Amino acid sequence: MILEFCADCGAPLGKPPPCACASCGAEFWDNAKPCGGAFVTHRGRLLLVQRAHAPWAGHWDVPGGFCDGAEHPEATTLREVREETGLAIRLTGLLGMWIDRYGDDTTYATLNIYFHAVPDPDGPDGPDGVDGDVVAAVVAEDEIAAVRWFTPAELADAPLAFSDHMRDAVDRWLTWDAGRT
């Protein structure tokens, strides 16, 4: 990614990060953008959302997204799951963290922080909000095409988004989930 102009003074840069502006000395870095996501489990199934647009349109992903400013990844995860699926969840642990590139042209790095989660039985949805194949109506229609529970067997053939890390994250979840039964 080439930085065209300095964000501080507007002078032309024309360089990829890391670099510094020759006019004002501002420094620019290729820092990873933090993201939060949830591996929501219910009755041995994993909740996935189908992406409605690029990158990875039509592929399945865990609900989640970018942290807003100084928002903690746990808060991001709770907010994003609610926004994308309408489901309130409770975080139960940390699955792990993966670095990836986001965008069709791999413009910037992401730090994907994934949590174990379960539907919150005391949340506004109650326990009945998760009994069917579909959690709820798709809430974020501009981002999500579908919401679905997957059994472990179905995950083997599911077309997953973010091939640099999502299969590894799902495999880690499968190993963790198998150890619980």
Protein backbone atom coordinates (compact mmCIF):
# COMPACT_ATOMS: atom_id res chain seq x y z
CA MET A 1 0.00 0.00 0.00
CA ILE A 2 1.43 3.34 -1.07
CA LEU A 3 0.66 6.34 1.13
CA GLU A 4 -0.05 9.19 -1.26
CA PHE A 5 -0.09 12.08 1.24
CA CYS A 6 0.97 12.82 4.81
CA ALA A 7 -2.01 12.63 7.17
CA ASP A 8 -0.50 15.38 9.34
CA CYS A 9 0.55 18.11 6.86
CA GLY A 10 -0.78 16.92 3.47
CA ALA A 11 2.62 16.82 1.76
CA PRO A 12 3.09 14.16 -0.93
CA LEU A 13 4.58 10.89 0.40
CA GLY A 14 4.38 8.31 -2.40
CA LYS A 15 5.89 5.59 -0.19
CA PRO A 16 4.73 2.43 1.57
CA PRO A 17 4.95 2.33 5.36
CA PRO A 18 7.13 2.39 7.35
CA CYS A 19 8.11 5.86 6.20
CA ALA A 20 8.41 9.44 7.40
CA CYS A 21 7.19 12.66 5.86
CA ALA A 22 10.10 14.76 4.53
CA SER A 23 8.12 17.94 5.22
CA CYS A 24 7.00 17.53 8.84
CA GLY A 25 8.70 14.34 10.07
CA ALA A 26 5.44 12.43 10.83
CA GLU A 27 6.04 8.68 10.89
CA PHE A 28 3.73 6.08 9.37
CA TRP A 29 3.74 2.36 10.17
CA ASP A 30 2.05 -0.77 8.82
CA ASN A 31 0.40 -1.60 12.15
CA ALA A 32 -2.18 -4.37 12.31
CA LYS A 33 -5.79 -3.28 12.85
CA PRO A 34 -7.35 -5.13 15.83
CA CYS A 35 -10.50 -7.18 15.31
CA GLY A 36 -12.73 -9.21 17.64
CA GLY A 37 -14.76 -12.29 16.72
CA ALA A 38 -16.72 -15.06 18.41
CA PHE A 39 -16.78 -18.82 18.02
CA VAL A 40 -20.35 -19.07 19.35
CA THR A 41 -21.25 -22.65 20.29
CA HIS A 42 -24.67 -24.13 21.00
CA ARG A 43 -25.51 -27.86 21.20
CA GLY A 44 -22.18 -28.77 19.59
CA ARG A 45 -22.69 -26.46 16.60
CA LEU A 46 -20.75 -23.38 15.56
CA LEU A 47 -22.43 -20.15 14.47
CA LEU A 48 -21.16 -18.70 11.18
CA VAL A 49 -22.22 -15.75 9.05
CA GLN A 50 -22.06 -15.63 5.27
CA ARG A 51 -20.30 -12.51 4.00
CA ALA A 52 -22.41 -10.35 1.66
CA HIS A 53 -19.55 -8.40 0.06
CA ALA A 54 -15.84 -8.42 -0.68
CA PRO A 55 -13.51 -9.48 0.55
CA TRP A 56 -14.66 -13.08 0.56
CA ALA A 57 -18.29 -12.48 -0.52
CA GLY A 58 -20.35 -15.69 -0.21
CA HIS A 59 -17.87 -17.34 2.17
CA TRP A 60 -18.54 -18.24 5.81
CA ASP A 61 -16.90 -16.43 8.70
CA VAL A 62 -17.34 -16.10 12.45
CA PRO A 63 -19.32 -13.00 13.46
CA GLY A 64 -17.01 -10.14 14.35
CA GLY A 65 -15.32 -7.03 13.06
CA PHE A 66 -12.93 -4.14 13.56
CA CYS A 67 -12.42 -2.49 16.93
CA ASP A 68 -13.64 1.11 17.06
CA GLY A 69 -10.83 3.37 18.26
CA ALA A 70 -9.79 2.23 21.74
CA GLU A 71 -12.64 -0.31 22.01
CA HIS A 72 -11.53 -3.52 23.74
CA PRO A 73 -11.71 -6.61 21.48
CA GLU A 74 -14.15 -8.25 23.94
CA ALA A 75 -16.53 -5.30 23.61
CA THR A 76 -16.07 -5.36 19.83
CA THR A 77 -17.00 -9.04 19.77
CA LEU A 78 -20.16 -8.58 21.83
CA ARG A 79 -21.22 -5.59 19.71
CA GLU A 80 -20.47 -7.19 16.34
CA VAL A 81 -22.23 -10.49 17.11
CA ARG A 82 -25.31 -8.53 18.20
CA GLU A 83 -25.16 -6.27 15.12
CA GLU A 84 -24.70 -9.14 12.66
CA THR A 85 -26.98 -11.82 14.14
CA GLY A 86 -29.21 -10.13 16.71
CA LEU A 87 -27.91 -12.59 19.30
CA ALA A 88 -26.65 -11.64 22.78
CA ILE A 89 -23.69 -13.79 23.82
CA ARG A 90 -21.48 -14.47 26.81
CA LEU A 91 -17.72 -14.83 26.28
CA THR A 92 -16.25 -17.92 27.93
CA GLY A 93 -12.56 -17.78 27.00
CA LEU A 94 -9.92 -16.91 24.44
CA LEU A 95 -9.49 -19.19 21.42
CA GLY A 96 -6.44 -17.40 20.03
CA MET A 97 -5.04 -14.66 17.82
CA TRP A 98 -4.10 -14.69 14.14
CA ILE A 99 -2.47 -12.12 11.83
CA ASP A 100 -3.92 -11.80 8.33
CA ARG A 101 -4.26 -9.35 5.45
CA TYR A 102 -7.65 -7.72 4.80
CA GLY A 103 -8.95 -6.62 1.45
CA ASP A 104 -8.79 -7.91 -2.09
CA ASP A 105 -5.49 -6.14 -2.60
CA THR A 106 -4.16 -7.09 0.87
CA THR A 107 -3.98 -3.43 1.78
CA TYR A 108 -3.49 -3.80 5.52
CA ALA A 109 -2.76 -6.27 8.26
CA THR A 110 -5.32 -7.36 10.84
CA LEU A 111 -4.88 -8.87 14.30
CA ASN A 112 -7.84 -11.23 14.67
CA ILE A 113 -8.66 -11.99 18.30
CA TYR A 114 -11.17 -14.82 18.65
CA PHE A 115 -13.16 -15.74 21.74
CA HIS A 116 -15.16 -18.78 22.76
CA ALA A 117 -18.78 -17.78 23.37
CA VAL A 118 -22.24 -19.14 24.09
CA PRO A 119 -25.68 -17.58 23.64
CA ASP A 120 -26.57 -15.61 26.75
CA PRO A 121 -29.63 -17.33 28.30
CA ASP A 122 -30.26 -14.18 30.34
CA GLY A 123 -29.95 -11.93 27.29
CA PRO A 124 -32.88 -10.35 25.49
CA ASP A 125 -33.12 -13.35 23.12
CA GLY A 126 -33.45 -15.93 25.87
CA PRO A 127 -32.68 -19.60 25.25
CA ASP A 128 -35.37 -19.92 22.54
CA GLY A 129 -33.53 -17.59 20.16
CA VAL A 130 -31.05 -20.31 19.18
CA ASP A 131 -33.05 -23.51 18.73
CA GLY A 132 -33.44 -23.51 14.95
CA ASP A 133 -30.95 -23.61 12.09
CA VAL A 134 -31.06 -19.84 11.80
CA VAL A 135 -30.34 -17.77 14.89
CA ALA A 136 -32.40 -14.77 13.87
CA ALA A 137 -33.11 -12.67 10.85
CA VAL A 138 -29.93 -11.25 9.40
CA VAL A 139 -29.55 -7.92 11.15
CA ALA A 140 -26.66 -6.36 9.20
CA GLU A 141 -28.02 -7.02 5.70
CA ASP A 142 -25.39 -4.76 4.17
CA GLU A 143 -22.66 -7.03 5.60
CA ILE A 144 -24.22 -10.47 6.12
CA ALA A 145 -26.13 -12.63 3.61
CA ALA A 146 -27.05 -15.49 5.99
CA VAL A 147 -26.60 -16.79 9.53
CA ARG A 148 -26.35 -20.53 10.20
CA TRP A 149 -25.30 -23.14 12.75
CA PHE A 150 -22.75 -25.70 11.46
CA THR A 151 -22.07 -29.15 12.88
CA PRO A 152 -18.39 -30.16 13.10
CA ALA A 153 -18.86 -32.49 10.09
CA GLU A 154 -20.29 -29.66 7.98
CA LEU A 155 -17.30 -27.43 8.74
CA ALA A 156 -14.93 -29.68 6.76
CA ASP A 157 -16.48 -28.62 3.44
CA ALA A 158 -17.64 -25.11 4.36
CA PRO A 159 -16.11 -22.42 2.12
CA LEU A 160 -14.45 -20.28 4.78
CA ALA A 161 -13.39 -16.66 4.40
CA PHE A 162 -9.87 -15.42 5.14
CA SER A 163 -7.95 -18.49 4.01
CA ASP A 164 -4.71 -17.28 5.62
CA HIS A 165 -6.04 -18.13 9.08
CA MET A 166 -9.72 -19.13 9.36
CA ARG A 167 -9.26 -22.86 8.66
CA ASP A 168 -6.58 -22.99 11.35
CA ALA A 169 -8.85 -21.15 13.81
CA VAL A 170 -11.77 -23.51 13.04
CA ASP A 171 -9.48 -26.52 13.49
CA ARG A 172 -8.36 -25.16 16.87
CA TRP A 173 -12.03 -24.71 17.86
CA LEU A 174 -12.82 -28.28 16.71
CA THR A 175 -9.94 -29.67 18.83
CA TRP A 176 -11.07 -27.61 21.81
CA ASP A 177 -14.72 -28.63 21.37
CA ALA A 178 -13.84 -32.32 20.98
CA GLY A 179 -11.95 -32.17 24.26
CA ARG A 180 -15.10 -30.96 26.04
CA THR A 181 -17.30 -33.93 25.04
